[in-house]
Amino acid sequence: MQAVIVQTGNEEYALPVESVVSIEKLEYITPIPHLPTYLLGLMKSRGELVPILDFSQILYYTPTAREADSHIVVLTTEQIEIGLLVLDAKEILELPDGRLTSTALKAYSKTPYFTTVANLEDRVITVIDPNILATTLAGMDEISAYVREQRQTS
């Protein structure tokens, strides 16, 4: 499996290459009132409105530091395009099937979007399923409806 490796906190996560639309520098995010804390607002990407999710807020309940090397990884999902704010988008890596295991993740229901772990020689990388992420976070249905409505009116 080919994956884009991103960093959030001190950990590395893998996003399937086929889900990644683009990796962009952090630009202006338009805040929207009364959103869940993980949802920073909307950003234009290639002319489209994309909801921006703070990946550190989702995982660790602490906001991502917005620094010069912070990136937005725009992902396509079955429901909506989303942008993940991450500390860094590091590399594209081939994760060998023989190094992937999901045994430790099956018992934990709070992170259903963690699908497998790549147990490599010098690092462990958790694989994220963007479709599950976009459908299991509270409030994403409303955000998807809002973005669709904005597209129809513009």
N, C-alpha and C. Protein backbone atom coordinates (compact mmCIF):
# COMPACT_ATOMS: atom_id res chain seq x y z
N MET A 1 0.85 -1.18 0.00
CA MET A 1 0.00 0.00 0.00
C MET A 1 0.88 1.24 0.00
N GLN A 2 0.59 2.15 -0.91
CA GLN A 2 1.30 3.43 -0.93
C GLN A 2 0.53 4.43 -0.08
N ALA A 3 1.28 5.19 0.74
CA ALA A 3 0.63 6.12 1.65
C ALA A 3 1.44 7.40 1.78
N VAL A 4 0.72 8.49 2.02
CA VAL A 4 1.35 9.75 2.38
C VAL A 4 1.50 9.74 3.90
N ILE A 5 2.70 9.97 4.38
CA ILE A 5 2.98 9.96 5.81
C ILE A 5 2.88 11.39 6.33
N VAL A 6 2.04 11.58 7.35
CA VAL A 6 1.87 12.90 7.96
C VAL A 6 2.25 12.79 9.43
N GLN A 7 2.62 13.94 9.99
CA GLN A 7 2.96 13.98 11.41
C GLN A 7 1.96 14.85 12.14
N THR A 8 1.51 14.33 13.27
CA THR A 8 0.64 15.05 14.19
C THR A 8 1.15 14.73 15.58
N GLY A 9 1.45 15.77 16.37
CA GLY A 9 2.10 15.52 17.65
C GLY A 9 3.44 14.89 17.35
N ASN A 10 3.80 13.87 18.09
CA ASN A 10 5.06 13.16 17.85
C ASN A 10 4.86 11.89 17.03
N GLU A 11 3.65 11.66 16.56
CA GLU A 11 3.32 10.41 15.89
C GLU A 11 3.20 10.59 14.38
N GLU A 12 3.37 9.47 13.68
CA GLU A 12 3.21 9.44 12.23
C GLU A 12 1.96 8.65 11.87
N TYR A 13 1.25 9.14 10.85
CA TYR A 13 0.04 8.49 10.37
C TYR A 13 0.14 8.36 8.86
N ALA A 14 -0.51 7.34 8.33
CA ALA A 14 -0.48 7.09 6.90
C ALA A 14 -1.87 7.32 6.32
N LEU A 15 -1.92 8.02 5.21
CA LEU A 15 -3.16 8.25 4.46
C LEU A 15 -2.98 7.63 3.08
N PRO A 16 -3.90 6.78 2.65
CA PRO A 16 -3.74 6.12 1.35
C PRO A 16 -3.57 7.15 0.22
N VAL A 17 -2.58 6.93 -0.62
CA VAL A 17 -2.27 7.86 -1.70
C VAL A 17 -3.50 8.14 -2.57
N GLU A 18 -4.30 7.12 -2.83
CA GLU A 18 -5.45 7.32 -3.72
C GLU A 18 -6.51 8.26 -3.12
N SER A 19 -6.45 8.53 -1.83
CA SER A 19 -7.40 9.46 -1.19
C SER A 19 -6.88 10.90 -1.17
N VAL A 20 -5.58 11.07 -1.38
CA VAL A 20 -4.98 12.41 -1.27
C VAL A 20 -5.16 13.17 -2.58
N VAL A 21 -5.85 14.31 -2.48
CA VAL A 21 -6.07 15.17 -3.64
C VAL A 21 -4.89 16.13 -3.80
N SER A 22 -4.47 16.73 -2.68
CA SER A 22 -3.36 17.68 -2.72
C SER A 22 -2.80 17.88 -1.30
N ILE A 23 -1.60 18.42 -1.26
CA ILE A 23 -0.98 18.83 0.00
C ILE A 23 -0.68 20.30 -0.17
N GLU A 24 -1.23 21.12 0.71
CA GLU A 24 -1.15 22.56 0.54
C GLU A 24 -0.59 23.22 1.78
N LYS A 25 0.00 24.38 1.56
CA LYS A 25 0.44 25.20 2.69
C LYS A 25 -0.80 25.73 3.40
N LEU A 26 -0.68 25.93 4.68
CA LEU A 26 -1.79 26.48 5.46
C LEU A 26 -2.02 27.92 5.04
N GLU A 27 -3.25 28.20 4.60
CA GLU A 27 -3.63 29.56 4.24
C GLU A 27 -4.81 29.96 5.11
N TYR A 28 -5.49 31.00 4.72
CA TYR A 28 -6.58 31.51 5.55
C TYR A 28 -7.74 30.53 5.62
N ILE A 29 -8.17 30.26 6.84
CA ILE A 29 -9.33 29.41 7.07
C ILE A 29 -10.45 30.31 7.58
N THR A 30 -11.59 30.28 6.91
CA THR A 30 -12.73 31.08 7.33
C THR A 30 -13.44 30.36 8.47
N PRO A 31 -13.41 30.94 9.67
CA PRO A 31 -14.09 30.27 10.79
C PRO A 31 -15.60 30.32 10.62
N ILE A 32 -16.27 29.29 11.09
CA ILE A 32 -17.73 29.22 11.09
C ILE A 32 -18.15 29.00 12.55
N PRO A 33 -19.02 29.86 13.08
CA PRO A 33 -19.40 29.73 14.50
C PRO A 33 -20.13 28.41 14.80
N HIS A 34 -20.02 27.97 16.03
CA HIS A 34 -20.76 26.83 16.59
C HIS A 34 -20.39 25.48 15.97
N LEU A 35 -19.17 25.39 15.47
CA LEU A 35 -18.71 24.11 14.93
C LEU A 35 -18.06 23.29 16.04
N PRO A 36 -17.96 21.98 15.86
CA PRO A 36 -17.19 21.19 16.83
C PRO A 36 -15.75 21.72 16.90
N THR A 37 -15.09 21.54 18.03
CA THR A 37 -13.76 22.13 18.23
C THR A 37 -12.73 21.63 17.22
N TYR A 38 -12.90 20.44 16.69
CA TYR A 38 -11.92 19.92 15.73
C TYR A 38 -12.06 20.56 14.35
N LEU A 39 -13.18 21.22 14.10
CA LEU A 39 -13.45 21.78 12.78
C LEU A 39 -13.11 23.27 12.78
N LEU A 40 -12.03 23.62 12.09
CA LEU A 40 -11.51 24.99 12.14
C LEU A 40 -12.31 25.95 11.28
N GLY A 41 -12.94 25.45 10.23
CA GLY A 41 -13.70 26.30 9.33
C GLY A 41 -13.54 25.81 7.91
N LEU A 42 -13.67 26.72 6.94
CA LEU A 42 -13.62 26.37 5.53
C LEU A 42 -12.46 27.08 4.86
N MET A 43 -11.87 26.40 3.89
CA MET A 43 -10.78 26.98 3.10
C MET A 43 -11.07 26.68 1.63
N LYS A 44 -10.68 27.60 0.76
CA LYS A 44 -10.83 27.34 -0.67
C LYS A 44 -9.62 26.54 -1.15
N SER A 45 -9.92 25.45 -1.84
CA SER A 45 -8.88 24.63 -2.43
C SER A 45 -9.31 24.32 -3.86
N ARG A 46 -8.53 24.78 -4.83
CA ARG A 46 -8.86 24.61 -6.24
C ARG A 46 -10.27 25.13 -6.55
N GLY A 47 -10.65 26.24 -5.92
CA GLY A 47 -11.94 26.87 -6.17
C GLY A 47 -13.11 26.27 -5.41
N GLU A 48 -12.87 25.21 -4.64
CA GLU A 48 -13.95 24.55 -3.89
C GLU A 48 -13.79 24.82 -2.40
N LEU A 49 -14.93 24.89 -1.69
CA LEU A 49 -14.89 25.01 -0.24
C LEU A 49 -14.61 23.65 0.37
N VAL A 50 -13.62 23.62 1.27
CA VAL A 50 -13.22 22.37 1.91
C VAL A 50 -13.22 22.61 3.42
N PRO A 51 -13.95 21.79 4.20
CA PRO A 51 -13.87 21.90 5.65
C PRO A 51 -12.49 21.45 6.14
N ILE A 52 -11.91 22.22 7.05
CA ILE A 52 -10.57 21.93 7.56
C ILE A 52 -10.69 21.37 8.97
N LEU A 53 -10.17 20.15 9.14
CA LEU A 53 -10.21 19.46 10.43
C LEU A 53 -8.83 19.51 11.07
N ASP A 54 -8.77 19.85 12.33
CA ASP A 54 -7.52 19.86 13.07
C ASP A 54 -7.26 18.44 13.56
N PHE A 55 -6.32 17.75 12.92
CA PHE A 55 -6.10 16.34 13.21
C PHE A 55 -5.62 16.12 14.64
N SER A 56 -4.83 17.04 15.17
CA SER A 56 -4.36 16.92 16.55
C SER A 56 -5.52 17.09 17.53
N GLN A 57 -6.45 17.97 17.22
CA GLN A 57 -7.62 18.17 18.06
C GLN A 57 -8.48 16.90 18.10
N ILE A 58 -8.61 16.24 16.95
CA ILE A 58 -9.38 15.00 16.86
C ILE A 58 -8.72 13.91 17.71
N LEU A 59 -7.41 13.78 17.59
CA LEU A 59 -6.71 12.67 18.24
C LEU A 59 -6.34 12.94 19.69
N TYR A 60 -5.88 14.16 19.98
CA TYR A 60 -5.29 14.45 21.29
C TYR A 60 -6.01 15.55 22.07
N TYR A 61 -7.05 16.13 21.49
CA TYR A 61 -7.79 17.22 22.12
C TYR A 61 -6.92 18.45 22.37
N THR A 62 -5.88 18.63 21.56
CA THR A 62 -5.05 19.84 21.62
C THR A 62 -4.88 20.36 20.20
N PRO A 63 -4.95 21.68 20.02
CA PRO A 63 -4.85 22.22 18.66
C PRO A 63 -3.45 22.05 18.07
N THR A 64 -3.41 21.91 16.76
CA THR A 64 -2.14 21.85 16.04
C THR A 64 -1.53 23.24 16.04
N ALA A 65 -0.24 23.30 16.35
CA ALA A 65 0.47 24.58 16.26
C ALA A 65 0.52 24.99 14.80
N ARG A 66 0.10 26.21 14.54
CA ARG A 66 0.11 26.69 13.15
C ARG A 66 1.46 27.35 12.89
N GLU A 67 2.31 26.58 12.22
CA GLU A 67 3.67 27.02 11.96
C GLU A 67 3.92 27.06 10.46
N ALA A 68 5.09 27.53 10.08
CA ALA A 68 5.43 27.67 8.67
C ALA A 68 5.37 26.35 7.92
N ASP A 69 5.69 25.25 8.61
CA ASP A 69 5.69 23.96 7.91
C ASP A 69 4.40 23.17 8.13
N SER A 70 3.37 23.79 8.72
CA SER A 70 2.08 23.12 8.84
C SER A 70 1.47 22.98 7.44
N HIS A 71 0.77 21.88 7.23
CA HIS A 71 0.18 21.62 5.93
C HIS A 71 -1.29 21.22 6.07
N ILE A 72 -2.00 21.41 4.99
CA ILE A 72 -3.36 20.88 4.85
C ILE A 72 -3.28 19.75 3.82
N VAL A 73 -3.70 18.57 4.23
CA VAL A 73 -3.77 17.44 3.31
C VAL A 73 -5.24 17.32 2.91
N VAL A 74 -5.53 17.60 1.65
CA VAL A 74 -6.91 17.53 1.15
C VAL A 74 -7.17 16.10 0.71
N LEU A 75 -8.24 15.53 1.27
CA LEU A 75 -8.59 14.13 1.02
C LEU A 75 -9.96 14.05 0.38
N THR A 76 -10.11 13.13 -0.53
CA THR A 76 -11.43 12.86 -1.09
C THR A 76 -12.01 11.66 -0.35
N THR A 77 -13.27 11.77 0.02
CA THR A 77 -13.97 10.67 0.67
C THR A 77 -15.27 10.44 -0.09
N GLU A 78 -15.97 9.37 0.26
CA GLU A 78 -17.24 9.09 -0.39
C GLU A 78 -18.27 10.18 -0.10
N GLN A 79 -18.12 10.86 1.03
CA GLN A 79 -19.09 11.85 1.47
C GLN A 79 -18.73 13.27 1.04
N ILE A 80 -17.45 13.65 1.21
CA ILE A 80 -17.05 15.04 1.04
C ILE A 80 -15.54 15.12 0.96
N GLU A 81 -15.02 16.19 0.33
CA GLU A 81 -13.59 16.45 0.43
C GLU A 81 -13.34 17.12 1.78
N ILE A 82 -12.29 16.70 2.47
CA ILE A 82 -11.93 17.31 3.74
C ILE A 82 -10.45 17.66 3.71
N GLY A 83 -10.08 18.63 4.52
CA GLY A 83 -8.68 18.98 4.67
C GLY A 83 -8.25 18.68 6.09
N LEU A 84 -7.12 18.02 6.25
CA LEU A 84 -6.58 17.74 7.58
C LEU A 84 -5.40 18.66 7.83
N LEU A 85 -5.47 19.43 8.92
CA LEU A 85 -4.34 20.24 9.33
C LEU A 85 -3.37 19.33 10.08
N VAL A 86 -2.14 19.24 9.58
CA VAL A 86 -1.11 18.39 10.20
C VAL A 86 0.16 19.21 10.37
N LEU A 87 1.03 18.75 11.26
CA LEU A 87 2.31 19.44 11.45
C LEU A 87 3.17 19.37 10.20
N ASP A 88 3.17 18.20 9.57
CA ASP A 88 4.01 18.03 8.40
C ASP A 88 3.48 16.89 7.55
N ALA A 89 3.63 17.03 6.25
CA ALA A 89 3.36 15.94 5.32
C ALA A 89 4.73 15.53 4.81
N LYS A 90 5.22 14.40 5.28
CA LYS A 90 6.63 14.07 5.18
C LYS A 90 7.07 13.39 3.90
N GLU A 91 6.35 12.36 3.48
CA GLU A 91 6.86 11.54 2.40
C GLU A 91 5.76 10.62 1.88
N ILE A 92 6.04 10.02 0.74
CA ILE A 92 5.20 8.93 0.24
C ILE A 92 6.00 7.66 0.47
N LEU A 93 5.34 6.69 1.08
CA LEU A 93 6.04 5.48 1.49
C LEU A 93 5.25 4.25 1.07
N GLU A 94 5.94 3.23 0.65
CA GLU A 94 5.32 1.94 0.35
C GLU A 94 5.27 1.14 1.64
N LEU A 95 4.06 0.80 2.09
CA LEU A 95 3.89 0.00 3.30
C LEU A 95 3.64 -1.44 2.88
N PRO A 96 4.61 -2.33 3.08
CA PRO A 96 4.46 -3.71 2.64
C PRO A 96 3.31 -4.41 3.37
N ASP A 97 2.49 -5.15 2.63
CA ASP A 97 1.35 -5.86 3.22
C ASP A 97 1.76 -6.75 4.38
N GLY A 98 2.92 -7.36 4.28
CA GLY A 98 3.39 -8.25 5.33
C GLY A 98 3.73 -7.55 6.64
N ARG A 99 3.82 -6.22 6.60
CA ARG A 99 4.16 -5.44 7.79
C ARG A 99 2.93 -4.76 8.41
N LEU A 100 1.76 -5.01 7.82
CA LEU A 100 0.52 -4.39 8.32
C LEU A 100 -0.20 -5.34 9.26
N THR A 101 -0.65 -4.80 10.40
CA THR A 101 -1.39 -5.60 11.37
C THR A 101 -2.50 -4.75 11.98
N SER A 102 -3.63 -5.37 12.25
CA SER A 102 -4.73 -4.62 12.86
C SER A 102 -5.17 -5.23 14.18
N THR A 103 -4.47 -6.20 14.65
CA THR A 103 -4.86 -6.92 15.86
C THR A 103 -5.08 -5.98 17.05
N ALA A 104 -4.17 -5.07 17.29
CA ALA A 104 -4.26 -4.19 18.46
C ALA A 104 -5.38 -3.17 18.34
N LEU A 105 -5.83 -2.89 17.12
CA LEU A 105 -6.82 -1.82 16.92
C LEU A 105 -8.26 -2.30 17.04
N LYS A 106 -8.50 -3.57 16.85
CA LYS A 106 -9.87 -4.08 16.78
C LYS A 106 -10.68 -3.85 18.05
N ALA A 107 -10.01 -3.81 19.19
CA ALA A 107 -10.73 -3.70 20.46
C ALA A 107 -11.07 -2.26 20.81
N TYR A 108 -10.58 -1.28 20.06
CA TYR A 108 -10.76 0.11 20.45
C TYR A 108 -11.78 0.80 19.56
N SER A 109 -12.94 1.11 20.10
CA SER A 109 -14.04 1.64 19.29
C SER A 109 -14.02 3.15 19.10
N LYS A 110 -13.21 3.88 19.87
CA LYS A 110 -13.20 5.36 19.75
C LYS A 110 -12.48 5.85 18.50
N THR A 111 -11.68 5.01 17.89
CA THR A 111 -10.96 5.39 16.68
C THR A 111 -11.19 4.37 15.56
N PRO A 112 -12.42 4.27 15.08
CA PRO A 112 -12.70 3.28 14.03
C PRO A 112 -11.97 3.59 12.73
N TYR A 113 -11.49 4.83 12.56
CA TYR A 113 -10.78 5.22 11.35
C TYR A 113 -9.33 4.74 11.35
N PHE A 114 -8.82 4.21 12.47
CA PHE A 114 -7.52 3.53 12.48
C PHE A 114 -7.76 2.12 11.96
N THR A 115 -7.29 1.83 10.77
CA THR A 115 -7.60 0.54 10.17
C THR A 115 -6.50 -0.49 10.34
N THR A 116 -5.27 -0.04 10.39
CA THR A 116 -4.15 -0.97 10.53
C THR A 116 -2.92 -0.21 11.01
N VAL A 117 -1.91 -0.95 11.40
CA VAL A 117 -0.64 -0.37 11.83
C VAL A 117 0.46 -0.98 10.98
N ALA A 118 1.34 -0.11 10.47
CA ALA A 118 2.51 -0.59 9.74
C ALA A 118 3.65 -0.71 10.75
N ASN A 119 4.07 -1.94 10.98
CA ASN A 119 5.15 -2.22 11.93
C ASN A 119 6.45 -2.34 11.14
N LEU A 120 7.13 -1.20 10.97
CA LEU A 120 8.35 -1.17 10.17
C LEU A 120 9.57 -1.34 11.08
N GLU A 121 10.74 -1.51 10.51
CA GLU A 121 11.94 -1.75 11.29
C GLU A 121 12.19 -0.68 12.34
N ASP A 122 12.14 0.58 11.92
CA ASP A 122 12.52 1.67 12.81
C ASP A 122 11.38 2.59 13.20
N ARG A 123 10.15 2.24 12.86
CA ARG A 123 9.00 3.09 13.19
C ARG A 123 7.70 2.33 13.08
N VAL A 124 6.69 2.86 13.77
CA VAL A 124 5.34 2.31 13.72
C VAL A 124 4.43 3.43 13.21
N ILE A 125 3.65 3.13 12.17
CA ILE A 125 2.80 4.14 11.54
C ILE A 125 1.37 3.63 11.51
N THR A 126 0.45 4.44 12.05
CA THR A 126 -0.97 4.07 12.06
C THR A 126 -1.63 4.52 10.76
N VAL A 127 -2.38 3.62 10.14
CA VAL A 127 -3.05 3.91 8.87
C VAL A 127 -4.47 4.40 9.16
N ILE A 128 -4.85 5.49 8.50
CA ILE A 128 -6.16 6.13 8.66
C ILE A 128 -7.00 5.87 7.41
N ASP A 129 -8.27 5.52 7.60
CA ASP A 129 -9.21 5.41 6.48
C ASP A 129 -10.00 6.72 6.41
N PRO A 130 -9.76 7.57 5.40
CA PRO A 130 -10.44 8.87 5.31
C PRO A 130 -11.96 8.76 5.24
N ASN A 131 -12.49 7.70 4.60
CA ASN A 131 -13.94 7.54 4.51
C ASN A 131 -14.55 7.33 5.89
N ILE A 132 -13.93 6.49 6.69
CA ILE A 132 -14.44 6.25 8.05
C ILE A 132 -14.28 7.51 8.89
N LEU A 133 -13.16 8.21 8.75
CA LEU A 133 -12.93 9.45 9.49
C LEU A 133 -14.04 10.46 9.19
N ALA A 134 -14.36 10.63 7.90
CA ALA A 134 -15.35 11.63 7.50
C ALA A 134 -16.77 11.28 7.93
N THR A 135 -17.04 10.00 8.17
CA THR A 135 -18.41 9.62 8.52
C THR A 135 -18.62 9.38 10.01
N THR A 136 -17.55 9.23 10.78
CA THR A 136 -17.73 8.92 12.20
C THR A 136 -17.57 10.11 13.13
N LEU A 137 -17.01 11.20 12.65
CA LEU A 137 -16.85 12.38 13.52
C LEU A 137 -18.18 13.09 13.69
N ALA A 138 -18.47 13.47 14.92
CA ALA A 138 -19.72 14.18 15.22
C ALA A 138 -19.77 15.49 14.43
N GLY A 139 -20.90 15.75 13.80
CA GLY A 139 -21.11 17.00 13.10
C GLY A 139 -20.76 16.97 11.62
N MET A 140 -20.15 15.89 11.13
CA MET A 140 -19.74 15.87 9.73
C MET A 140 -20.93 15.83 8.77
N ASP A 141 -22.04 15.24 9.17
CA ASP A 141 -23.23 15.24 8.31
C ASP A 141 -23.70 16.67 8.04
N GLU A 142 -23.75 17.47 9.12
CA GLU A 142 -24.18 18.86 8.98
C GLU A 142 -23.19 19.67 8.14
N ILE A 143 -21.92 19.42 8.33
CA ILE A 143 -20.89 20.14 7.56
C ILE A 143 -21.01 19.78 6.09
N SER A 144 -21.19 18.51 5.79
CA SER A 144 -21.35 18.07 4.39
C SER A 144 -22.55 18.75 3.76
N ALA A 145 -23.66 18.81 4.48
CA ALA A 145 -24.86 19.46 3.97
C ALA A 145 -24.61 20.95 3.72
N TYR A 146 -23.90 21.61 4.64
CA TYR A 146 -23.59 23.03 4.50
C TYR A 146 -22.72 23.28 3.26
N VAL A 147 -21.68 22.47 3.07
CA VAL A 147 -20.79 22.64 1.92
C VAL A 147 -21.55 22.41 0.62
N ARG A 148 -22.40 21.38 0.57
CA ARG A 148 -23.21 21.14 -0.64
C ARG A 148 -24.12 22.33 -0.93
N GLU A 149 -24.73 22.87 0.12
CA GLU A 149 -25.62 24.04 -0.04
C GLU A 149 -24.85 25.24 -0.58
N GLN A 150 -23.64 25.47 -0.07
CA GLN A 150 -22.82 26.59 -0.54
C GLN A 150 -22.43 26.43 -2.01
N ARG A 151 -22.17 25.20 -2.42
CA ARG A 151 -21.80 24.95 -3.82
C ARG A 151 -22.98 25.24 -4.74
N GLN A 152 -24.19 24.90 -4.29
CA GLN A 152 -25.37 25.11 -5.12
C GLN A 152 -25.73 26.57 -5.26
N THR A 153 -25.43 27.39 -4.24
CA THR A 153 -25.78 28.81 -4.29
C THR A 153 -24.72 29.66 -4.97
N SER A 154 -23.54 29.10 -5.22
CA SER A 154 -22.50 29.92 -5.86
C SER A 154 -22.33 29.62 -7.33
